[in-house]
Amino acid sequence: MIDLRGIDLNLLVSLHALLEESNVTRAAERLHLTQPAVSTQLARLRQIFGDPLLIPAPSGRGMTRSVRATELIAPLAAALAQLEAVVRRQPSFDPLVDTRRFTIAGSDQAVAVLGFRLMQSWAQRAGPSVQLAFVASEHSSSIERFERGEIDLLIGSERGVPAWAKARKLYDERFVFVQRKGHPRGAAPPDLDAYCSLDHVLVSTSGGSFFGFMDEHLDALGRARRVALSVQHFTVVPELLALSDYVATLPSRLVTRYRDKLDVFDLPFDARGFAMFAAWHPRSQLDPACVWLREALVDVAEHWPH
């Protein structure tokens, strides 16, 4: 039995040309190689197959195929055609008929903003065999989760995207001041003094902190606000504000769906916003299914009403 591990596949391409041409010179021209190079390959092929393959013609002009060589022509041509088809085949993904399960990791804010809109349109975008799951993001284990294939996409701010990951910006976000409609402080935009004097709800995604991103800005101004409550999830806050006199500073897109319950104002000081990104493992860069999922998420982000 021939050990294929020791065979250069280019030799089979050369063999195909040699058998069809029955002439080393013409085969060399066809392969864009020198005649001595093809003669060397023919010698190697004779050794591999244990057969002369091509022998000098009795007339002295050209060469004649051996019986083994004649038997090889058809199966060799078929095998090379199959190999070429494998190489040329482009991977594809049809979300309406293919089967796939996607997992997106993100904060509850990312799921509330982008995930909710993606889920709303999922039935129009994908068929019944394409499933979508959202899981909580865990920055410290992103590498392991990507490597294990547990997540296809990670949605997060620039702080939450691993440096090694491929990423695409989805949108720029800004912070706004939010209170319930009919709040006793009134419906005018707050000045800095009013902002600092109110009872705030802070979102601490790591849990338990009463000093956040806005407090860093205020500290630089020599000011401080009163943080009365600290919660770990963004989506808790709008409902809490609607039922209390607490106020909060939240990403603007998050509160879009609550404008019937909440008043939204610009902050009374300059505060840096952030950008949201979709990140993926480099190995998924050209995966048609993952490309489709990324484009669906980009489409949702671009058509978000804000």
C-alpha atoms as a PDB file:
ATOM      1  CA  MET A   1       0.000   0.000   0.000  1.00  0.00           C
ATOM      2  CA  ILE A   2       1.255   3.449  -0.935  1.00  0.00           C
ATOM      3  CA  ASP A   3       1.759   5.781   2.050  1.00  0.00           C
ATOM      4  CA  LEU A   4       0.021   9.008   0.980  1.00  0.00           C
ATOM      5  CA  ARG A   5       1.724  10.960   3.752  1.00  0.00           C
ATOM      6  CA  GLY A   6       4.955  10.792   1.772  1.00  0.00           C
ATOM      7  CA  ILE A   7       3.475  11.989  -1.503  1.00  0.00           C
ATOM      8  CA  ASP A   8       3.534  15.590  -2.661  1.00  0.00           C
ATOM      9  CA  LEU A   9       0.126  16.214  -4.238  1.00  0.00           C
ATOM     10  CA  ASN A  10       1.837  18.278  -6.921  1.00  0.00           C
ATOM     11  CA  LEU A  11       3.252  15.010  -8.197  1.00  0.00           C
ATOM     12  CA  LEU A  12      -0.269  13.810  -8.957  1.00  0.00           C
ATOM     13  CA  VAL A  13      -0.942  16.990 -10.931  1.00  0.00           C
ATOM     14  CA  SER A  14       2.230  16.334 -12.897  1.00  0.00           C
ATOM     15  CA  LEU A  15       1.276  12.693 -13.390  1.00  0.00           C
ATOM     16  CA  HIS A  16      -2.076  13.775 -14.817  1.00  0.00           C
ATOM     17  CA  ALA A  17      -0.324  16.032 -17.340  1.00  0.00           C
ATOM     18  CA  LEU A  18       2.244  13.359 -18.234  1.00  0.00           C
ATOM     19  CA  LEU A  19      -0.397  10.705 -18.821  1.00  0.00           C
ATOM     20  CA  GLU A  20      -2.526  12.993 -20.974  1.00  0.00           C
ATOM     21  CA  GLU A  21       0.379  14.327 -23.027  1.00  0.00           C
ATOM     22  CA  SER A  22       2.505  11.164 -23.128  1.00  0.00           C
ATOM     23  CA  ASN A  23       5.352  13.540 -23.654  1.00  0.00           C
ATOM     24  CA  VAL A  24       7.697  15.032 -21.054  1.00  0.00           C
ATOM     25  CA  THR A  25       8.377  18.218 -23.031  1.00  0.00           C
ATOM     26  CA  ARG A  26       4.696  19.023 -23.633  1.00  0.00           C
ATOM     27  CA  ALA A  27       3.826  18.148 -20.026  1.00  0.00           C
ATOM     28  CA  ALA A  28       6.564  20.520 -18.811  1.00  0.00           C
ATOM     29  CA  GLU A  29       5.168  23.327 -20.965  1.00  0.00           C
ATOM     30  CA  ARG A  30       1.669  22.676 -19.667  1.00  0.00           C
ATOM     31  CA  LEU A  31       2.880  22.684 -16.054  1.00  0.00           C
ATOM     32  CA  HIS A  32       5.117  25.742 -16.584  1.00  0.00           C
ATOM     33  CA  LEU A  33       8.120  23.732 -15.398  1.00  0.00           C
ATOM     34  CA  THR A  34      11.446  22.860 -16.957  1.00  0.00           C
ATOM     35  CA  GLN A  35      11.853  19.544 -18.767  1.00  0.00           C
ATOM     36  CA  PRO A  36      14.533  18.327 -16.297  1.00  0.00           C
ATOM     37  CA  ALA A  37      12.193  19.095 -13.375  1.00  0.00           C
ATOM     38  CA  VAL A  38       9.374  17.051 -14.927  1.00  0.00           C
ATOM     39  CA  SER A  39      11.794  14.222 -15.766  1.00  0.00           C
ATOM     40  CA  THR A  40      12.790  14.168 -12.083  1.00  0.00           C
ATOM     41  CA  GLN A  41       9.119  14.034 -11.089  1.00  0.00           C
ATOM     42  CA  LEU A  42       8.490  11.167 -13.499  1.00  0.00           C
ATOM     43  CA  ALA A  43      11.348   9.230 -11.933  1.00  0.00           C
ATOM     44  CA  ARG A  44       9.824   9.793  -8.499  1.00  0.00           C
ATOM     45  CA  LEU A  45       6.380   8.717  -9.718  1.00  0.00           C
ATOM     46  CA  ARG A  46       7.812   5.513 -11.198  1.00  0.00           C
ATOM     47  CA  GLN A  47       9.331   4.780  -7.814  1.00  0.00           C
ATOM     48  CA  ILE A  48       6.065   5.456  -5.982  1.00  0.00           C
ATOM     49  CA  PHE A  49       3.895   3.338  -8.278  1.00  0.00           C
ATOM     50  CA  GLY A  50       6.488   0.656  -8.951  1.00  0.00           C
ATOM     51  CA  ASP A  51       5.748   0.970 -12.655  1.00  0.00           C
ATOM     52  CA  PRO A  52       7.465   2.690 -15.619  1.00  0.00           C
ATOM     53  CA  LEU A  53       4.181   4.547 -16.397  1.00  0.00           C
ATOM     54  CA  LEU A  54       5.601   6.011 -19.617  1.00  0.00           C
ATOM     55  CA  ILE A  55       7.968   4.036 -21.830  1.00  0.00           C
ATOM     56  CA  PRO A  56       9.706   5.085 -25.054  1.00  0.00           C
ATOM     57  CA  ALA A  57       7.561   4.443 -28.116  1.00  0.00           C
ATOM     58  CA  PRO A  58       8.872   1.722 -30.491  1.00  0.00           C
ATOM     59  CA  SER A  59       9.084   4.355 -33.209  1.00  0.00           C
ATOM     60  CA  GLY A  60      11.430   6.371 -31.033  1.00  0.00           C
ATOM     61  CA  ARG A  61       9.098   9.357 -31.131  1.00  0.00           C
ATOM     62  CA  GLY A  62       7.219  10.202 -27.965  1.00  0.00           C
ATOM     63  CA  MET A  63       6.247   7.812 -25.187  1.00  0.00           C
ATOM     64  CA  THR A  64       3.645   5.129 -24.644  1.00  0.00           C
ATOM     65  CA  ARG A  65       1.586   4.605 -21.504  1.00  0.00           C
ATOM     66  CA  SER A  66       1.997   1.389 -19.603  1.00  0.00           C
ATOM     67  CA  VAL A  67      -1.089  -0.676 -18.751  1.00  0.00           C
ATOM     68  CA  ARG A  68      -1.006   0.702 -15.185  1.00  0.00           C
ATOM     69  CA  ALA A  69      -0.767   4.252 -16.489  1.00  0.00           C
ATOM     70  CA  THR A  70      -3.777   3.745 -18.762  1.00  0.00           C
ATOM     71  CA  GLU A  71      -5.794   2.438 -15.812  1.00  0.00           C
ATOM     72  CA  LEU A  72      -4.827   5.504 -13.769  1.00  0.00           C
ATOM     73  CA  ILE A  73      -6.047   8.165 -16.224  1.00  0.00           C
ATOM     74  CA  ALA A  74      -9.771   8.170 -15.392  1.00  0.00           C
ATOM     75  CA  PRO A  75      -9.633   7.761 -11.576  1.00  0.00           C
ATOM     76  CA  LEU A  76      -6.755  10.271 -11.332  1.00  0.00           C
ATOM     77  CA  ALA A  77      -8.694  12.877 -13.327  1.00  0.00           C
ATOM     78  CA  ALA A  78     -11.761  12.308 -11.127  1.00  0.00           C
ATOM     79  CA  ALA A  79      -9.740  12.564  -7.905  1.00  0.00           C
ATOM     80  CA  LEU A  80      -8.066  15.811  -8.979  1.00  0.00           C
ATOM     81  CA  ALA A  81     -11.424  17.251 -10.004  1.00  0.00           C
ATOM     82  CA  GLN A  82     -12.824  16.447  -6.561  1.00  0.00           C
ATOM     83  CA  LEU A  83      -9.809  18.026  -4.863  1.00  0.00           C
ATOM     84  CA  GLU A  84     -10.196  21.141  -6.976  1.00  0.00           C
ATOM     85  CA  ALA A  85     -13.889  21.324  -6.054  1.00  0.00           C
ATOM     86  CA  VAL A  86     -12.992  21.073  -2.351  1.00  0.00           C
ATOM     87  CA  VAL A  87     -10.444  23.874  -2.662  1.00  0.00           C
ATOM     88  CA  ARG A  88     -12.699  26.119  -4.731  1.00  0.00           C
ATOM     89  CA  ARG A  89     -15.842  25.538  -2.676  1.00  0.00           C
ATOM     90  CA  GLN A  90     -16.849  28.691  -0.840  1.00  0.00           C
ATOM     91  CA  PRO A  91     -18.535  28.230   2.553  1.00  0.00           C
ATOM     92  CA  SER A  92     -22.026  29.659   2.792  1.00  0.00           C
ATOM     93  CA  PHE A  93     -24.797  30.212   5.288  1.00  0.00           C
ATOM     94  CA  ASP A  94     -28.503  30.552   4.598  1.00  0.00           C
ATOM     95  CA  PRO A  95     -30.260  31.623   7.820  1.00  0.00           C
ATOM     96  CA  LEU A  96     -33.642  30.572   6.448  1.00  0.00           C
ATOM     97  CA  VAL A  97     -32.756  26.914   5.885  1.00  0.00           C
ATOM     98  CA  ASP A  98     -29.491  26.100   7.699  1.00  0.00           C
ATOM     99  CA  THR A  99     -29.178  24.872  11.267  1.00  0.00           C
ATOM    100  CA  ARG A 100     -27.119  26.908  13.724  1.00  0.00           C
ATOM    101  CA  ARG A 101     -27.133  27.959  17.368  1.00  0.00           C
ATOM    102  CA  PHE A 102     -25.691  31.376  18.225  1.00  0.00           C
ATOM    103  CA  THR A 103     -24.730  32.692  21.647  1.00  0.00           C
ATOM    104  CA  ILE A 104     -24.188  36.390  22.366  1.00  0.00           C
ATOM    105  CA  ALA A 105     -22.647  37.585  25.629  1.00  0.00           C
ATOM    106  CA  GLY A 106     -23.326  41.052  26.961  1.00  0.00           C
ATOM    107  CA  SER A 107     -24.436  43.133  29.907  1.00  0.00           C
ATOM    108  CA  ASP A 108     -28.135  43.444  30.650  1.00  0.00           C
ATOM    109  CA  GLN A 109     -27.904  46.932  29.160  1.00  0.00           C
ATOM    110  CA  ALA A 110     -26.551  45.529  25.874  1.00  0.00           C
ATOM    111  CA  VAL A 111     -29.287  42.895  25.802  1.00  0.00           C
ATOM    112  CA  ALA A 112     -31.972  45.489  26.603  1.00  0.00           C
ATOM    113  CA  VAL A 113     -30.759  47.852  23.895  1.00  0.00           C
ATOM    114  CA  LEU A 114     -29.542  45.644  21.050  1.00  0.00           C
ATOM    115  CA  GLY A 115     -30.650  42.164  22.036  1.00  0.00           C
ATOM    116  CA  PHE A 116     -34.270  43.166  22.446  1.00  0.00           C
ATOM    117  CA  ARG A 117     -34.409  44.686  18.970  1.00  0.00           C
ATOM    118  CA  LEU A 118     -32.612  41.704  17.442  1.00  0.00           C
ATOM    119  CA  MET A 119     -35.033  39.300  19.104  1.00  0.00           C
ATOM    120  CA  GLN A 120     -37.987  41.335  17.822  1.00  0.00           C
ATOM    121  CA  SER A 121     -36.823  40.884  14.232  1.00  0.00           C
ATOM    122  CA  TRP A 122     -35.424  37.351  14.602  1.00  0.00           C
ATOM    123  CA  ALA A 123     -38.417  35.575  13.038  1.00  0.00           C
ATOM    124  CA  GLN A 124     -37.998  37.688   9.890  1.00  0.00           C
ATOM    125  CA  ARG A 125     -34.232  37.227   9.764  1.00  0.00           C
ATOM    126  CA  ALA A 126     -33.827  33.510  10.480  1.00  0.00           C
ATOM    127  CA  GLY A 127     -35.598  30.220   9.948  1.00  0.00           C
ATOM    128  CA  PRO A 128     -36.811  27.828  12.665  1.00  0.00           C
ATOM    129  CA  SER A 129     -33.511  25.927  12.756  1.00  0.00           C
ATOM    130  CA  VAL A 130     -31.429  28.963  13.746  1.00  0.00           C
ATOM    131  CA  GLN A 131     -31.476  29.584  17.494  1.00  0.00           C
ATOM    132  CA  LEU A 132     -30.231  32.561  19.492  1.00  0.00           C
ATOM    133  CA  ALA A 133     -29.182  32.716  23.141  1.00  0.00           C
ATOM    134  CA  PHE A 134     -28.070  35.655  25.280  1.00  0.00           C
ATOM    135  CA  VAL A 135     -25.809  35.113  28.280  1.00  0.00           C
ATOM    136  CA  ALA A 136     -24.248  37.434  30.830  1.00  0.00           C
ATOM    137  CA  SER A 137     -20.803  38.716  29.878  1.00  0.00           C
ATOM    138  CA  GLU A 138     -17.875  37.853  32.095  1.00  0.00           C
ATOM    139  CA  HIS A 139     -14.856  39.881  31.003  1.00  0.00           C
ATOM    140  CA  SER A 140     -12.355  37.841  33.002  1.00  0.00           C
ATOM    141  CA  SER A 141     -13.279  34.626  31.186  1.00  0.00           C
ATOM    142  CA  SER A 142     -13.912  35.945  27.670  1.00  0.00           C
ATOM    143  CA  ILE A 143     -10.849  34.248  26.204  1.00  0.00           C
ATOM    144  CA  GLU A 144     -11.731  30.855  27.622  1.00  0.00           C
ATOM    145  CA  ARG A 145     -15.367  31.154  26.575  1.00  0.00           C
ATOM    146  CA  PHE A 146     -14.431  32.113  23.031  1.00  0.00           C
ATOM    147  CA  GLU A 147     -11.883  29.279  22.828  1.00  0.00           C
ATOM    148  CA  ARG A 148     -14.437  26.755  24.070  1.00  0.00           C
ATOM    149  CA  GLY A 149     -16.930  27.992  21.496  1.00  0.00           C
ATOM    150  CA  GLU A 150     -19.412  29.008  24.192  1.00  0.00           C
ATOM    151  CA  ILE A 151     -19.985  32.468  22.712  1.00  0.00           C
ATOM    152  CA  ASP A 152     -20.013  33.721  19.135  1.00  0.00           C
ATOM    153  CA  LEU A 153     -20.211  37.441  19.881  1.00  0.00           C
ATOM    154  CA  LEU A 154     -19.461  39.679  22.824  1.00  0.00           C
ATOM    155  CA  ILE A 155     -21.228  43.046  23.039  1.00  0.00           C
ATOM    156  CA  GLY A 156     -19.487  45.548  25.256  1.00  0.00           C
ATOM    157  CA  SER A 157     -17.844  48.920  25.632  1.00  0.00           C
ATOM    158  CA  GLU A 158     -14.198  49.507  24.783  1.00  0.00           C
ATOM    159  CA  ARG A 159     -13.370  48.558  28.367  1.00  0.00           C
ATOM    160  CA  GLY A 160     -15.026  45.171  27.995  1.00  0.00           C
ATOM    161  CA  VAL A 161     -13.568  44.079  24.647  1.00  0.00           C
ATOM    162  CA  PRO A 162     -10.418  41.901  24.878  1.00  0.00           C
ATOM    163  CA  ALA A 163      -7.436  43.438  23.080  1.00  0.00           C
ATOM    164  CA  TRP A 164      -6.830  40.253  21.074  1.00  0.00           C
ATOM    165  CA  ALA A 165     -10.385  40.053  19.702  1.00  0.00           C
ATOM    166  CA  LYS A 166     -11.683  41.242  16.362  1.00  0.00           C
ATOM    167  CA  ALA A 167     -14.213  44.023  16.922  1.00  0.00           C
ATOM    168  CA  ARG A 168     -16.562  46.389  15.140  1.00  0.00           C
ATOM    169  CA  LYS A 169     -18.066  49.546  16.596  1.00  0.00           C
ATOM    170  CA  LEU A 170     -21.850  49.472  16.733  1.00  0.00           C
ATOM    171  CA  TYR A 171     -22.618  52.963  17.993  1.00  0.00           C
ATOM    172  CA  ASP A 172     -21.515  55.838  20.208  1.00  0.00           C
ATOM    173  CA  GLU A 173     -23.434  56.323  23.436  1.00  0.00           C
ATOM    174  CA  ARG A 174     -23.919  59.237  25.810  1.00  0.00           C
ATOM    175  CA  PHE A 175     -25.267  59.529  29.345  1.00  0.00           C
ATOM    176  CA  VAL A 176     -28.474  61.342  30.298  1.00  0.00           C
ATOM    177  CA  PHE A 177     -30.209  62.340  33.529  1.00  0.00           C
ATOM    178  CA  VAL A 178     -33.473  60.479  34.190  1.00  0.00           C
ATOM    179  CA  GLN A 179     -36.373  60.939  36.618  1.00  0.00           C
ATOM    180  CA  ARG A 180     -40.000  59.864  36.725  1.00  0.00           C
ATOM    181  CA  LYS A 181     -42.704  62.001  35.174  1.00  0.00           C
ATOM    182  CA  GLY A 182     -44.293  64.184  37.828  1.00  0.00           C
ATOM    183  CA  HIS A 183     -41.158  64.173  39.960  1.00  0.00           C
ATOM    184  CA  PRO A 184     -41.494  66.682  42.850  1.00  0.00           C
ATOM    185  CA  ARG A 185     -38.363  68.575  41.814  1.00  0.00           C
ATOM    186  CA  GLY A 186     -40.149  69.728  38.635  1.00  0.00           C
ATOM    187  CA  ALA A 187     -39.765  69.177  34.897  1.00  0.00           C
ATOM    188  CA  ALA A 188     -36.949  71.632  34.153  1.00  0.00           C
ATOM    189  CA  PRO A 189     -33.440  70.408  33.342  1.00  0.00           C
ATOM    190  CA  PRO A 190     -31.378  70.187  36.553  1.00  0.00           C
ATOM    191  CA  ASP A 191     -28.438  72.457  37.232  1.00  0.00           C
ATOM    192  CA  LEU A 192     -25.298  71.062  38.857  1.00  0.00           C
ATOM    193  CA  ASP A 193     -26.425  71.933  42.376  1.00  0.00           C
ATOM    194  CA  ALA A 194     -29.781  70.219  41.910  1.00  0.00           C
ATOM    195  CA  TYR A 195     -28.126  67.196  40.335  1.00  0.00           C
ATOM    196  CA  CYS A 196     -25.773  66.735  43.291  1.00  0.00           C
ATOM    197  CA  SER A 197     -28.504  67.189  45.907  1.00  0.00           C
ATOM    198  CA  LEU A 198     -30.837  64.469  44.627  1.00  0.00           C
ATOM    199  CA  ASP A 199     -30.922  60.795  45.677  1.00  0.00           C
ATOM    200  CA  HIS A 200     -29.270  58.777  42.929  1.00  0.00           C
ATOM    201  CA  VAL A 201     -29.405  55.127  41.911  1.00  0.00           C
ATOM    202  CA  LEU A 202     -26.016  53.900  40.687  1.00  0.00           C
ATOM    203  CA  VAL A 203     -25.403  50.847  38.523  1.00  0.00           C
ATOM    204  CA  SER A 204     -22.354  48.906  39.683  1.00  0.00           C
ATOM    205  CA  THR A 205     -21.901  45.986  37.290  1.00  0.00           C
ATOM    206  CA  SER A 206     -19.215  44.519  39.542  1.00  0.00           C
ATOM    207  CA  GLY A 207     -21.636  44.859  42.453  1.00  0.00           C
ATOM    208  CA  GLY A 208     -21.755  46.863  45.673  1.00  0.00           C
ATOM    209  CA  SER A 209     -19.929  50.050  44.705  1.00  0.00           C
ATOM    210  CA  PHE A 210     -21.320  53.524  45.459  1.00  0.00           C
ATOM    211  CA  PHE A 211     -18.743  55.387  43.360  1.00  0.00           C
ATOM    212  CA  GLY A 212     -19.052  55.164  39.601  1.00  0.00           C
ATOM    213  CA  PHE A 213     -18.183  56.737  36.283  1.00  0.00           C
ATOM    214  CA  MET A 214     -20.232  59.900  36.924  1.00  0.00           C
ATOM    215  CA  ASP A 215     -18.656  60.279  40.358  1.00  0.00           C
ATOM    216  CA  GLU A 216     -15.231  60.380  38.727  1.00  0.00           C
ATOM    217  CA  HIS A 217     -16.396  63.307  36.585  1.00  0.00           C
ATOM    218  CA  LEU A 218     -17.911  65.111  39.568  1.00  0.00           C
ATOM    219  CA  ASP A 219     -14.794  64.530  41.661  1.00  0.00           C
ATOM    220  CA  ALA A 220     -12.725  66.249  38.957  1.00  0.00           C
ATOM    221  CA  LEU A 221     -15.064  69.233  39.308  1.00  0.00           C
ATOM    222  CA  GLY A 222     -14.700  69.236  43.080  1.00  0.00           C
ATOM    223  CA  ARG A 223     -18.290  68.082  43.496  1.00  0.00           C
ATOM    224  CA  ALA A 224     -20.072  64.972  44.752  1.00  0.00           C
ATOM    225  CA  ARG A 225     -23.582  63.553  44.544  1.00  0.00           C
ATOM    226  CA  ARG A 226     -25.556  61.446  46.982  1.00  0.00           C
ATOM    227  CA  VAL A 227     -25.789  57.816  45.881  1.00  0.00           C
ATOM    228  CA  ALA A 228     -28.613  56.263  47.855  1.00  0.00           C
ATOM    229  CA  LEU A 229     -28.901  52.905  46.094  1.00  0.00           C
ATOM    230  CA  SER A 230     -26.490  50.655  44.210  1.00  0.00           C
ATOM    231  CA  VAL A 231     -27.787  47.928  41.902  1.00  0.00           C
ATOM    232  CA  GLN A 232     -25.973  45.516  39.619  1.00  0.00           C
ATOM    233  CA  HIS A 233     -28.321  45.594  36.626  1.00  0.00           C
ATOM    234  CA  PHE A 234     -29.241  48.509  34.378  1.00  0.00           C
ATOM    235  CA  THR A 235     -32.696  47.185  33.540  1.00  0.00           C
ATOM    236  CA  VAL A 236     -33.806  47.427  37.181  1.00  0.00           C
ATOM    237  CA  VAL A 237     -33.385  51.193  37.234  1.00  0.00           C
ATOM    238  CA  PRO A 238     -36.095  52.508  34.852  1.00  0.00           C
ATOM    239  CA  GLU A 239     -38.827  50.575  36.655  1.00  0.00           C
ATOM    240  CA  LEU A 240     -37.483  51.701  40.036  1.00  0.00           C
ATOM    241  CA  LEU A 241     -37.404  55.344  38.957  1.00  0.00           C
ATOM    242  CA  ALA A 242     -40.952  55.172  37.607  1.00  0.00           C
ATOM    243  CA  LEU A 243     -42.191  54.148  41.069  1.00  0.00           C
ATOM    244  CA  SER A 244     -40.052  56.420  43.272  1.00  0.00           C
ATOM    245  CA  ASP A 245     -38.414  59.829  43.588  1.00  0.00           C
ATOM    246  CA  TYR A 246     -34.928  58.507  42.946  1.00  0.00           C
ATOM    247  CA  VAL A 247     -33.005  59.744  39.906  1.00  0.00           C
ATOM    248  CA  ALA A 248     -30.268  58.174  37.825  1.00  0.00           C
ATOM    249  CA  THR A 249     -27.742  58.767  35.083  1.00  0.00           C
ATOM    250  CA  LEU A 250     -28.147  56.162  32.344  1.00  0.00           C
ATOM    251  CA  PRO A 251     -27.098  55.446  28.734  1.00  0.00           C
ATOM    252  CA  SER A 252     -29.490  57.307  26.441  1.00  0.00           C
ATOM    253  CA  ARG A 253     -30.553  54.307  24.344  1.00  0.00           C
ATOM    254  CA  LEU A 254     -31.515  52.319  27.391  1.00  0.00           C
ATOM    255  CA  VAL A 255     -34.249  54.778  28.384  1.00  0.00           C
ATOM    256  CA  THR A 256     -35.754  55.126  24.898  1.00  0.00           C
ATOM    257  CA  ARG A 257     -38.477  52.582  25.628  1.00  0.00           C
ATOM    258  CA  TYR A 258     -39.421  54.317  28.906  1.00  0.00           C
ATOM    259  CA  ARG A 259     -40.112  57.844  27.673  1.00  0.00           C
ATOM    260  CA  ASP A 260     -43.805  57.450  28.509  1.00  0.00           C
ATOM    261  CA  LYS A 261     -42.819  56.995  32.178  1.00  0.00           C
ATOM    262  CA  LEU A 262     -39.605  58.993  32.489  1.00  0.00           C
ATOM    263  CA  ASP A 263     -38.325  62.481  31.779  1.00  0.00           C
ATOM    264  CA  VAL A 264     -34.903  62.605  30.157  1.00  0.00           C
ATOM    265  CA  PHE A 265     -32.501  65.567  30.303  1.00  0.00           C
ATOM    266  CA  ASP A 266     -28.947  66.384  29.279  1.00  0.00           C
ATOM    267  CA  LEU A 267     -26.452  66.309  32.134  1.00  0.00           C
ATOM    268  CA  PRO A 268     -25.543  69.661  33.724  1.00  0.00           C
ATOM    269  CA  PHE A 269     -21.835  68.939  33.168  1.00  0.00           C
ATOM    270  CA  ASP A 270     -19.664  67.463  30.467  1.00  0.00           C
ATOM    271  CA  ALA A 271     -19.370  63.688  30.768  1.00  0.00           C
ATOM    272  CA  ARG A 272     -17.527  61.433  28.405  1.00  0.00           C
ATOM    273  CA  GLY A 273     -19.676  58.788  26.743  1.00  0.00           C
ATOM    274  CA  PHE A 274     -18.594  55.426  25.410  1.00  0.00           C
ATOM    275  CA  ALA A 275     -18.764  53.278  22.308  1.00  0.00           C
ATOM    276  CA  MET A 276     -20.403  49.869  22.067  1.00  0.00           C
ATOM    277  CA  PHE A 277     -18.637  47.143  20.110  1.00  0.00           C
ATOM    278  CA  ALA A 278     -19.331  43.660  18.839  1.00  0.00           C
ATOM    279  CA  ALA A 279     -16.285  41.429  19.377  1.00  0.00           C
ATOM    280  CA  TRP A 280     -15.522  37.943  18.096  1.00  0.00           C
ATOM    281  CA  HIS A 281     -12.725  35.385  18.040  1.00  0.00           C
ATOM    282  CA  PRO A 282     -10.305  35.797  15.083  1.00  0.00           C
ATOM    283  CA  ARG A 283     -11.066  32.249  13.921  1.00  0.00           C
ATOM    284  CA  SER A 284     -14.663  33.353  13.199  1.00  0.00           C
ATOM    285  CA  GLN A 285     -13.580  36.246  10.994  1.00  0.00           C
ATOM    286  CA  LEU A 286     -14.590  34.522   7.734  1.00  0.00           C
ATOM    287  CA  ASP A 287     -17.249  32.150   9.052  1.00  0.00           C
ATOM    288  CA  PRO A 288     -20.315  33.018   6.902  1.00  0.00           C
ATOM    289  CA  ALA A 289     -22.716  32.310   9.764  1.00  0.00           C
ATOM    290  CA  CYS A 290     -20.861  34.605  12.158  1.00  0.00           C
ATOM    291  CA  VAL A 291     -20.534  37.261   9.463  1.00  0.00           C
ATOM    292  CA  TRP A 292     -24.313  37.112   9.000  1.00  0.00           C
ATOM    293  CA  LEU A 293     -24.906  37.455  12.765  1.00  0.00           C
ATOM    294  CA  ARG A 294     -22.573  40.451  12.982  1.00  0.00           C
ATOM    295  CA  GLU A 295     -24.306  42.158  10.062  1.00  0.00           C
ATOM    296  CA  ALA A 296     -27.706  41.544  11.665  1.00  0.00           C
ATOM    297  CA  LEU A 297     -26.498  43.190  14.860  1.00  0.00           C
ATOM    298  CA  VAL A 298     -25.033  46.131  12.928  1.00  0.00           C
ATOM    299  CA  ASP A 299     -28.344  46.555  11.116  1.00  0.00           C
ATOM    300  CA  VAL A 300     -30.203  46.689  14.438  1.00  0.00           C
ATOM    301  CA  ALA A 301     -27.736  49.242  15.815  1.00  0.00           C
ATOM    302  CA  GLU A 302     -27.916  51.464  12.743  1.00  0.00           C
ATOM    303  CA  HIS A 303     -31.724  51.532  12.715  1.00  0.00           C
ATOM    304  CA  TRP A 304     -32.193  52.108  16.437  1.00  0.00           C
ATOM    305  CA  PRO A 305     -34.607  55.035  17.003  1.00  0.00           C
ATOM    306  CA  HIS A 306     -32.712  57.691  18.907  1.00  0.00           C
END
